[in-house]
Amino acid sequence: MSTGEENPNWPDKFVPTAPSKKLYGVTGKVDDGVDTPERFESFLLGPDEKKVEEKIDTRMPNTSYFNFNKEDHTLANLLRAKLLSSNHILFAAYRVPHPLFPTFELRVQTDGEITPKQAVIACCRDLVGELAHLDREFKREYELRKMVGQDQNGV
């Protein structure tokens, strides 16, 4: 401290640690000799990339494949579960082609009353509404607990 007082939380002697063997490049990326992609490449779309691409399956009626770019199991499982709760959906499943690439393929088959694209759009709208409701309820509960004076653990 600037007043010369001793800090009781500091150890008596400072023991320096060995420097890290990792080298940081100009971009701040760890240069460990492996050609790893930048972290932002796993969620930011490139100029020629689309978030979702539909491919209609001609072998099965009312079936489409949707390729989602820069997304993972979190969204895939949410969509699959929500789609399966619909009465018009006969089949909904997803697969991740490779674990190192943030993409998944969603296959949707409907009963013919609505198209697979309409089903996915309705599913996304429902999920956004549910998540907005969850956000509002969480914030309301948090503010109520702050007003009552309880800590974050509810004790």
N, C-alpha and C. Protein backbone atom coordinates (compact mmCIF):
# COMPACT_ATOMS: atom_id res chain seq x y z
N MET A 1 0.84 -1.19 0.00
CA MET A 1 0.00 0.00 0.00
C MET A 1 0.87 1.23 0.00
N SER A 2 0.32 2.32 -0.42
CA SER A 2 1.11 3.54 -0.56
C SER A 2 1.48 4.14 0.79
N THR A 3 0.75 3.83 1.87
CA THR A 3 1.06 4.41 3.18
C THR A 3 2.11 3.60 3.91
N GLY A 4 2.57 2.51 3.36
CA GLY A 4 3.59 1.70 3.98
C GLY A 4 3.01 0.64 4.91
N GLU A 5 1.69 0.56 5.00
CA GLU A 5 1.07 -0.44 5.87
C GLU A 5 1.21 -1.81 5.23
N GLU A 6 1.30 -2.84 6.05
CA GLU A 6 1.40 -4.21 5.57
C GLU A 6 -0.01 -4.76 5.33
N ASN A 7 -0.17 -5.51 4.27
CA ASN A 7 -1.44 -6.14 3.98
C ASN A 7 -1.41 -7.55 4.55
N PRO A 8 -2.32 -7.89 5.49
CA PRO A 8 -2.27 -9.22 6.12
C PRO A 8 -2.67 -10.35 5.17
N ASN A 9 -3.30 -10.04 4.03
CA ASN A 9 -3.73 -11.07 3.10
C ASN A 9 -2.62 -11.55 2.18
N TRP A 10 -1.53 -10.79 2.09
CA TRP A 10 -0.43 -11.18 1.21
C TRP A 10 0.51 -12.13 1.93
N PRO A 11 1.09 -13.08 1.19
CA PRO A 11 2.07 -13.96 1.83
C PRO A 11 3.34 -13.19 2.17
N ASP A 12 4.13 -13.77 3.07
CA ASP A 12 5.35 -13.10 3.50
C ASP A 12 6.33 -12.90 2.36
N LYS A 13 6.46 -13.89 1.51
CA LYS A 13 7.39 -13.78 0.40
C LYS A 13 6.63 -14.01 -0.90
N PHE A 14 6.96 -13.26 -1.89
CA PHE A 14 6.37 -13.43 -3.21
C PHE A 14 7.24 -14.38 -4.00
N VAL A 15 6.65 -15.49 -4.45
CA VAL A 15 7.39 -16.47 -5.23
C VAL A 15 6.91 -16.38 -6.67
N PRO A 16 7.75 -15.90 -7.59
CA PRO A 16 7.31 -15.80 -8.99
C PRO A 16 7.15 -17.18 -9.60
N THR A 17 6.17 -17.29 -10.49
CA THR A 17 5.96 -18.55 -11.19
C THR A 17 6.70 -18.52 -12.51
N ALA A 18 6.91 -19.70 -13.07
CA ALA A 18 7.59 -19.79 -14.36
C ALA A 18 6.71 -19.19 -15.44
N PRO A 19 7.29 -18.54 -16.43
CA PRO A 19 6.47 -17.96 -17.50
C PRO A 19 5.78 -19.05 -18.30
N SER A 20 4.64 -18.69 -18.84
CA SER A 20 3.88 -19.63 -19.65
C SER A 20 4.61 -19.92 -20.95
N LYS A 21 4.50 -21.15 -21.41
CA LYS A 21 5.15 -21.53 -22.66
C LYS A 21 4.31 -21.16 -23.87
N LYS A 22 3.07 -20.71 -23.63
CA LYS A 22 2.20 -20.33 -24.73
C LYS A 22 2.59 -18.95 -25.24
N LEU A 23 2.62 -18.80 -26.53
CA LEU A 23 2.96 -17.53 -27.14
C LEU A 23 1.69 -16.90 -27.70
N TYR A 24 1.51 -15.64 -27.47
CA TYR A 24 0.34 -14.95 -27.97
C TYR A 24 0.73 -14.12 -29.19
N GLY A 25 -0.04 -14.31 -30.26
CA GLY A 25 0.24 -13.59 -31.49
C GLY A 25 -0.34 -12.19 -31.46
N VAL A 26 -0.30 -11.54 -32.60
CA VAL A 26 -0.80 -10.17 -32.73
C VAL A 26 -2.29 -10.10 -32.43
N THR A 27 -3.03 -11.13 -32.79
CA THR A 27 -4.49 -11.11 -32.60
C THR A 27 -4.89 -11.51 -31.20
N GLY A 28 -3.94 -11.88 -30.33
CA GLY A 28 -4.27 -12.32 -29.00
C GLY A 28 -4.56 -13.81 -28.94
N LYS A 29 -4.47 -14.48 -30.07
CA LYS A 29 -4.73 -15.91 -30.14
C LYS A 29 -3.48 -16.66 -29.67
N VAL A 30 -3.70 -17.73 -28.93
CA VAL A 30 -2.58 -18.54 -28.46
C VAL A 30 -1.96 -19.24 -29.66
N ASP A 31 -0.66 -19.07 -29.82
CA ASP A 31 0.05 -19.72 -30.92
C ASP A 31 0.75 -20.94 -30.35
N ASP A 32 0.06 -22.08 -30.38
CA ASP A 32 0.64 -23.31 -29.86
C ASP A 32 1.06 -24.27 -30.97
N GLY A 33 1.20 -23.76 -32.17
CA GLY A 33 1.65 -24.59 -33.28
C GLY A 33 0.54 -25.32 -33.99
N VAL A 34 -0.69 -25.21 -33.52
CA VAL A 34 -1.83 -25.89 -34.13
C VAL A 34 -2.65 -24.85 -34.87
N ASP A 35 -3.10 -25.20 -36.04
CA ASP A 35 -3.89 -24.28 -36.85
C ASP A 35 -5.35 -24.31 -36.37
N THR A 36 -5.63 -23.58 -35.31
CA THR A 36 -6.99 -23.53 -34.76
C THR A 36 -7.71 -22.30 -35.28
N PRO A 37 -9.01 -22.41 -35.53
CA PRO A 37 -9.74 -21.25 -36.00
C PRO A 37 -9.95 -20.23 -34.89
N GLU A 38 -10.17 -18.99 -35.28
CA GLU A 38 -10.47 -17.95 -34.31
C GLU A 38 -11.78 -18.29 -33.60
N ARG A 39 -11.93 -17.89 -32.35
CA ARG A 39 -13.13 -18.24 -31.59
C ARG A 39 -14.39 -17.63 -32.18
N PHE A 40 -14.31 -16.42 -32.72
CA PHE A 40 -15.51 -15.77 -33.25
C PHE A 40 -16.04 -16.49 -34.49
N GLU A 41 -15.22 -17.32 -35.11
CA GLU A 41 -15.67 -18.05 -36.30
C GLU A 41 -16.72 -19.10 -35.98
N SER A 42 -16.90 -19.43 -34.70
CA SER A 42 -17.89 -20.44 -34.34
C SER A 42 -19.29 -19.86 -34.17
N PHE A 43 -19.43 -18.52 -34.20
CA PHE A 43 -20.76 -17.95 -34.05
C PHE A 43 -21.07 -16.79 -34.98
N LEU A 44 -20.10 -16.18 -35.62
CA LEU A 44 -20.37 -15.10 -36.56
C LEU A 44 -20.42 -15.66 -37.98
N LEU A 45 -21.46 -15.29 -38.71
CA LEU A 45 -21.62 -15.75 -40.08
C LEU A 45 -20.70 -14.98 -41.01
N GLY A 46 -20.18 -15.67 -42.00
CA GLY A 46 -19.37 -15.02 -43.02
C GLY A 46 -20.26 -14.26 -43.99
N PRO A 47 -19.68 -13.49 -44.90
CA PRO A 47 -20.48 -12.68 -45.82
C PRO A 47 -21.35 -13.49 -46.77
N ASP A 48 -20.96 -14.72 -47.08
CA ASP A 48 -21.74 -15.53 -48.02
C ASP A 48 -22.48 -16.68 -47.33
N GLU A 49 -22.51 -16.70 -46.01
CA GLU A 49 -23.17 -17.77 -45.27
C GLU A 49 -24.60 -17.37 -44.89
N LYS A 50 -25.48 -18.36 -44.89
CA LYS A 50 -26.84 -18.17 -44.42
C LYS A 50 -27.00 -18.91 -43.11
N LYS A 51 -27.86 -18.40 -42.24
CA LYS A 51 -28.08 -19.04 -40.95
C LYS A 51 -28.77 -20.39 -41.12
N VAL A 52 -29.80 -20.43 -41.99
CA VAL A 52 -30.56 -21.66 -42.20
C VAL A 52 -30.75 -21.87 -43.69
N GLU A 53 -30.56 -23.09 -44.12
CA GLU A 53 -30.81 -23.45 -45.52
C GLU A 53 -31.74 -24.67 -45.54
N GLU A 54 -32.78 -24.60 -46.37
CA GLU A 54 -33.73 -25.70 -46.48
C GLU A 54 -33.42 -26.52 -47.72
N LYS A 55 -33.50 -27.84 -47.56
CA LYS A 55 -33.36 -28.76 -48.68
C LYS A 55 -34.54 -29.72 -48.61
N ILE A 56 -35.39 -29.68 -49.61
CA ILE A 56 -36.58 -30.52 -49.63
C ILE A 56 -36.19 -31.94 -50.02
N ASP A 57 -36.66 -32.91 -49.24
CA ASP A 57 -36.38 -34.32 -49.51
C ASP A 57 -37.41 -34.84 -50.50
N THR A 58 -36.95 -35.28 -51.65
CA THR A 58 -37.86 -35.75 -52.69
C THR A 58 -38.23 -37.23 -52.51
N ARG A 59 -37.54 -37.93 -51.62
CA ARG A 59 -37.83 -39.35 -51.41
C ARG A 59 -39.00 -39.58 -50.47
N MET A 60 -39.25 -38.61 -49.58
CA MET A 60 -40.33 -38.74 -48.59
C MET A 60 -41.27 -37.55 -48.75
N PRO A 61 -42.59 -37.76 -48.68
CA PRO A 61 -43.51 -36.64 -48.81
C PRO A 61 -43.48 -35.75 -47.56
N ASN A 62 -43.61 -34.46 -47.79
CA ASN A 62 -43.68 -33.46 -46.71
C ASN A 62 -42.47 -33.52 -45.77
N THR A 63 -41.30 -33.70 -46.34
CA THR A 63 -40.08 -33.80 -45.55
C THR A 63 -39.04 -32.82 -46.07
N SER A 64 -38.38 -32.16 -45.13
CA SER A 64 -37.30 -31.23 -45.48
C SER A 64 -36.15 -31.39 -44.50
N TYR A 65 -34.97 -31.05 -45.00
CA TYR A 65 -33.77 -30.98 -44.18
C TYR A 65 -33.42 -29.51 -44.03
N PHE A 66 -33.12 -29.08 -42.81
CA PHE A 66 -32.71 -27.71 -42.54
C PHE A 66 -31.29 -27.75 -41.99
N ASN A 67 -30.37 -27.07 -42.67
CA ASN A 67 -28.99 -26.97 -42.21
C ASN A 67 -28.83 -25.65 -41.47
N PHE A 68 -28.50 -25.72 -40.19
CA PHE A 68 -28.29 -24.55 -39.36
C PHE A 68 -26.79 -24.33 -39.22
N ASN A 69 -26.34 -23.15 -39.60
CA ASN A 69 -24.92 -22.80 -39.50
C ASN A 69 -24.67 -22.02 -38.23
N LYS A 70 -23.53 -22.27 -37.62
CA LYS A 70 -23.06 -21.58 -36.42
C LYS A 70 -23.99 -21.81 -35.23
N GLU A 71 -24.55 -23.00 -35.13
CA GLU A 71 -25.38 -23.39 -33.99
C GLU A 71 -24.97 -24.79 -33.54
N ASP A 72 -25.41 -25.17 -32.34
CA ASP A 72 -24.99 -26.47 -31.80
C ASP A 72 -26.16 -27.23 -31.20
N HIS A 73 -25.86 -28.20 -30.33
CA HIS A 73 -26.87 -29.07 -29.74
C HIS A 73 -27.93 -28.30 -28.96
N THR A 74 -27.59 -27.17 -28.40
CA THR A 74 -28.54 -26.43 -27.58
C THR A 74 -29.78 -26.07 -28.38
N LEU A 75 -29.59 -25.39 -29.48
CA LEU A 75 -30.73 -25.02 -30.32
C LEU A 75 -31.35 -26.25 -30.98
N ALA A 76 -30.54 -27.18 -31.41
CA ALA A 76 -31.04 -28.36 -32.10
C ALA A 76 -32.00 -29.15 -31.21
N ASN A 77 -31.63 -29.36 -29.97
CA ASN A 77 -32.48 -30.13 -29.08
C ASN A 77 -33.74 -29.36 -28.71
N LEU A 78 -33.64 -28.05 -28.54
CA LEU A 78 -34.83 -27.23 -28.28
C LEU A 78 -35.83 -27.33 -29.43
N LEU A 79 -35.33 -27.18 -30.65
CA LEU A 79 -36.20 -27.25 -31.82
C LEU A 79 -36.83 -28.64 -31.97
N ARG A 80 -36.03 -29.66 -31.82
CA ARG A 80 -36.53 -31.02 -31.95
C ARG A 80 -37.64 -31.31 -30.94
N ALA A 81 -37.40 -30.96 -29.69
CA ALA A 81 -38.39 -31.23 -28.64
C ALA A 81 -39.67 -30.44 -28.87
N LYS A 82 -39.53 -29.18 -29.26
CA LYS A 82 -40.72 -28.35 -29.50
C LYS A 82 -41.47 -28.84 -30.73
N LEU A 83 -40.77 -29.23 -31.77
CA LEU A 83 -41.44 -29.74 -32.97
C LEU A 83 -42.22 -31.02 -32.66
N LEU A 84 -41.65 -31.89 -31.87
CA LEU A 84 -42.32 -33.15 -31.56
C LEU A 84 -43.57 -32.96 -30.72
N SER A 85 -43.71 -31.82 -30.06
CA SER A 85 -44.93 -31.56 -29.27
C SER A 85 -46.09 -31.08 -30.15
N SER A 86 -45.81 -30.80 -31.42
CA SER A 86 -46.86 -30.36 -32.35
C SER A 86 -47.62 -31.56 -32.90
N ASN A 87 -48.92 -31.37 -33.15
CA ASN A 87 -49.76 -32.45 -33.68
C ASN A 87 -49.47 -32.73 -35.16
N HIS A 88 -48.93 -31.77 -35.88
CA HIS A 88 -48.71 -31.91 -37.32
C HIS A 88 -47.37 -32.55 -37.67
N ILE A 89 -46.53 -32.78 -36.68
CA ILE A 89 -45.20 -33.31 -36.94
C ILE A 89 -45.20 -34.83 -36.80
N LEU A 90 -44.77 -35.51 -37.84
CA LEU A 90 -44.64 -36.96 -37.80
C LEU A 90 -43.25 -37.39 -37.36
N PHE A 91 -42.24 -36.60 -37.74
CA PHE A 91 -40.85 -36.96 -37.43
C PHE A 91 -40.04 -35.68 -37.31
N ALA A 92 -39.20 -35.61 -36.30
CA ALA A 92 -38.26 -34.51 -36.14
C ALA A 92 -37.02 -35.05 -35.43
N ALA A 93 -35.88 -34.86 -36.04
CA ALA A 93 -34.61 -35.31 -35.47
C ALA A 93 -33.49 -34.44 -36.01
N TYR A 94 -32.37 -34.46 -35.32
CA TYR A 94 -31.22 -33.70 -35.80
C TYR A 94 -29.97 -34.55 -35.68
N ARG A 95 -28.97 -34.14 -36.43
CA ARG A 95 -27.65 -34.76 -36.33
C ARG A 95 -26.59 -33.69 -36.51
N VAL A 96 -25.48 -33.89 -35.84
CA VAL A 96 -24.33 -33.00 -35.96
C VAL A 96 -23.31 -33.72 -36.82
N PRO A 97 -23.03 -33.21 -38.03
CA PRO A 97 -22.13 -33.92 -38.94
C PRO A 97 -20.72 -34.14 -38.38
N HIS A 98 -20.20 -33.16 -37.65
CA HIS A 98 -18.86 -33.29 -37.09
C HIS A 98 -18.80 -32.46 -35.81
N PRO A 99 -18.25 -33.00 -34.73
CA PRO A 99 -18.27 -32.27 -33.46
C PRO A 99 -17.43 -30.99 -33.43
N LEU A 100 -16.51 -30.83 -34.35
CA LEU A 100 -15.67 -29.63 -34.35
C LEU A 100 -16.28 -28.47 -35.14
N PHE A 101 -17.34 -28.74 -35.89
CA PHE A 101 -17.95 -27.68 -36.69
C PHE A 101 -19.32 -27.34 -36.11
N PRO A 102 -19.60 -26.06 -35.86
CA PRO A 102 -20.86 -25.67 -35.23
C PRO A 102 -22.03 -25.65 -36.21
N THR A 103 -22.40 -26.79 -36.71
CA THR A 103 -23.55 -26.90 -37.60
C THR A 103 -24.35 -28.13 -37.21
N PHE A 104 -25.64 -28.10 -37.54
CA PHE A 104 -26.44 -29.30 -37.38
C PHE A 104 -27.48 -29.35 -38.47
N GLU A 105 -27.98 -30.56 -38.71
CA GLU A 105 -28.97 -30.80 -39.74
C GLU A 105 -30.24 -31.29 -39.05
N LEU A 106 -31.36 -30.60 -39.29
CA LEU A 106 -32.65 -30.94 -38.70
C LEU A 106 -33.54 -31.50 -39.78
N ARG A 107 -34.08 -32.69 -39.54
CA ARG A 107 -35.00 -33.32 -40.50
C ARG A 107 -36.41 -33.25 -39.92
N VAL A 108 -37.34 -32.73 -40.71
CA VAL A 108 -38.72 -32.55 -40.26
C VAL A 108 -39.67 -33.15 -41.29
N GLN A 109 -40.61 -33.97 -40.82
CA GLN A 109 -41.66 -34.51 -41.68
C GLN A 109 -43.00 -34.17 -41.04
N THR A 110 -43.89 -33.60 -41.86
CA THR A 110 -45.21 -33.20 -41.37
C THR A 110 -46.29 -34.10 -41.97
N ASP A 111 -47.54 -33.88 -41.48
CA ASP A 111 -48.65 -34.68 -41.97
C ASP A 111 -49.26 -34.14 -43.26
N GLY A 112 -48.78 -33.02 -43.76
CA GLY A 112 -49.27 -32.45 -45.01
C GLY A 112 -50.17 -31.25 -44.83
N GLU A 113 -50.69 -31.02 -43.64
CA GLU A 113 -51.53 -29.84 -43.41
C GLU A 113 -50.70 -28.57 -43.42
N ILE A 114 -49.48 -28.66 -42.94
CA ILE A 114 -48.54 -27.53 -43.00
C ILE A 114 -47.24 -28.06 -43.59
N THR A 115 -46.45 -27.16 -44.15
CA THR A 115 -45.16 -27.56 -44.71
C THR A 115 -44.12 -27.64 -43.59
N PRO A 116 -43.04 -28.36 -43.80
CA PRO A 116 -41.98 -28.39 -42.78
C PRO A 116 -41.42 -26.99 -42.48
N LYS A 117 -41.32 -26.15 -43.49
CA LYS A 117 -40.82 -24.79 -43.26
C LYS A 117 -41.76 -24.01 -42.36
N GLN A 118 -43.08 -24.12 -42.60
CA GLN A 118 -44.05 -23.45 -41.73
C GLN A 118 -43.95 -23.99 -40.30
N ALA A 119 -43.73 -25.29 -40.16
CA ALA A 119 -43.62 -25.89 -38.83
C ALA A 119 -42.40 -25.36 -38.08
N VAL A 120 -41.27 -25.25 -38.77
CA VAL A 120 -40.06 -24.76 -38.12
C VAL A 120 -40.21 -23.28 -37.76
N ILE A 121 -40.81 -22.49 -38.63
CA ILE A 121 -41.01 -21.07 -38.33
C ILE A 121 -41.93 -20.91 -37.13
N ALA A 122 -43.03 -21.67 -37.09
CA ALA A 122 -43.95 -21.60 -35.95
C ALA A 122 -43.26 -22.05 -34.67
N CYS A 123 -42.44 -23.08 -34.77
CA CYS A 123 -41.69 -23.57 -33.62
C CYS A 123 -40.74 -22.50 -33.09
N CYS A 124 -40.04 -21.83 -33.97
CA CYS A 124 -39.11 -20.77 -33.56
C CYS A 124 -39.86 -19.62 -32.89
N ARG A 125 -41.01 -19.25 -33.45
CA ARG A 125 -41.80 -18.18 -32.83
C ARG A 125 -42.25 -18.57 -31.43
N ASP A 126 -42.71 -19.81 -31.27
CA ASP A 126 -43.14 -20.29 -29.96
C ASP A 126 -41.98 -20.29 -28.96
N LEU A 127 -40.81 -20.74 -29.40
CA LEU A 127 -39.65 -20.77 -28.51
C LEU A 127 -39.21 -19.37 -28.10
N VAL A 128 -39.25 -18.43 -29.03
CA VAL A 128 -38.89 -17.05 -28.69
C VAL A 128 -39.87 -16.50 -27.67
N GLY A 129 -41.15 -16.79 -27.85
CA GLY A 129 -42.16 -16.34 -26.88
C GLY A 129 -41.95 -16.96 -25.51
N GLU A 130 -41.67 -18.26 -25.47
CA GLU A 130 -41.43 -18.93 -24.19
C GLU A 130 -40.19 -18.39 -23.50
N LEU A 131 -39.13 -18.15 -24.25
CA LEU A 131 -37.90 -17.63 -23.65
C LEU A 131 -38.09 -16.18 -23.18
N ALA A 132 -38.88 -15.40 -23.90
CA ALA A 132 -39.17 -14.03 -23.45
C ALA A 132 -39.97 -14.07 -22.15
N HIS A 133 -40.92 -14.99 -22.05
CA HIS A 133 -41.70 -15.14 -20.82
C HIS A 133 -40.79 -15.55 -19.66
N LEU A 134 -39.90 -16.50 -19.90
CA LEU A 134 -38.95 -16.92 -18.88
C LEU A 134 -38.08 -15.76 -18.43
N ASP A 135 -37.63 -14.95 -19.37
CA ASP A 135 -36.80 -13.78 -19.05
C ASP A 135 -37.57 -12.80 -18.16
N ARG A 136 -38.81 -12.51 -18.53
CA ARG A 136 -39.63 -11.59 -17.73
C ARG A 136 -39.86 -12.12 -16.32
N GLU A 137 -40.18 -13.40 -16.22
CA GLU A 137 -40.44 -14.00 -14.90
C GLU A 137 -39.19 -14.01 -14.04
N PHE A 138 -38.05 -14.30 -14.64
CA PHE A 138 -36.80 -14.32 -13.89
C PHE A 138 -36.47 -12.92 -13.37
N LYS A 139 -36.59 -11.92 -14.23
CA LYS A 139 -36.29 -10.55 -13.81
C LYS A 139 -37.26 -10.08 -12.74
N ARG A 140 -38.54 -10.44 -12.88
CA ARG A 140 -39.53 -10.05 -11.87
C ARG A 140 -39.20 -10.68 -10.53
N GLU A 141 -38.89 -11.95 -10.53
CA GLU A 141 -38.56 -12.64 -9.28
C GLU A 141 -37.28 -12.07 -8.67
N TYR A 142 -36.31 -11.76 -9.50
CA TYR A 142 -35.06 -11.18 -9.01
C TYR A 142 -35.32 -9.82 -8.36
N GLU A 143 -36.11 -8.99 -8.99
CA GLU A 143 -36.42 -7.67 -8.43
C GLU A 143 -37.22 -7.79 -7.14
N LEU A 144 -38.15 -8.74 -7.07
CA LEU A 144 -38.91 -8.94 -5.84
C LEU A 144 -38.00 -9.37 -4.70
N ARG A 145 -37.06 -10.25 -4.97
CA ARG A 145 -36.12 -10.69 -3.93
C ARG A 145 -35.20 -9.55 -3.50
N LYS A 146 -34.82 -8.68 -4.42
CA LYS A 146 -34.01 -7.53 -4.05
C LYS A 146 -34.79 -6.60 -3.15
N MET A 147 -36.09 -6.41 -3.44
CA MET A 147 -36.93 -5.52 -2.63
C MET A 147 -37.12 -6.06 -1.22
N VAL A 148 -37.26 -7.36 -1.09
CA VAL A 148 -37.47 -7.97 0.21
C VAL A 148 -36.17 -7.97 1.01
N GLY A 149 -35.05 -7.92 0.32
CA GLY A 149 -33.76 -7.87 1.00
C GLY A 149 -33.08 -9.21 1.12
N GLN A 150 -33.56 -10.20 0.42
CA GLN A 150 -32.91 -11.50 0.44
C GLN A 150 -31.72 -11.49 -0.50
N ASP A 151 -30.76 -12.36 -0.18
CA ASP A 151 -29.64 -12.45 -1.11
C ASP A 151 -30.02 -13.32 -2.30
N GLN A 152 -29.12 -13.50 -3.22
CA GLN A 152 -29.42 -14.20 -4.46
C GLN A 152 -29.73 -15.68 -4.25
N ASN A 153 -29.30 -16.27 -3.17
CA ASN A 153 -29.55 -17.69 -2.92
C ASN A 153 -30.92 -17.94 -2.33
N GLY A 154 -31.63 -16.88 -1.97
CA GLY A 154 -32.97 -17.04 -1.41
C GLY A 154 -32.96 -17.38 0.07
N VAL A 155 -31.84 -17.20 0.75
CA VAL A 155 -31.75 -17.53 2.18
C VAL A 155 -32.15 -16.33 2.99
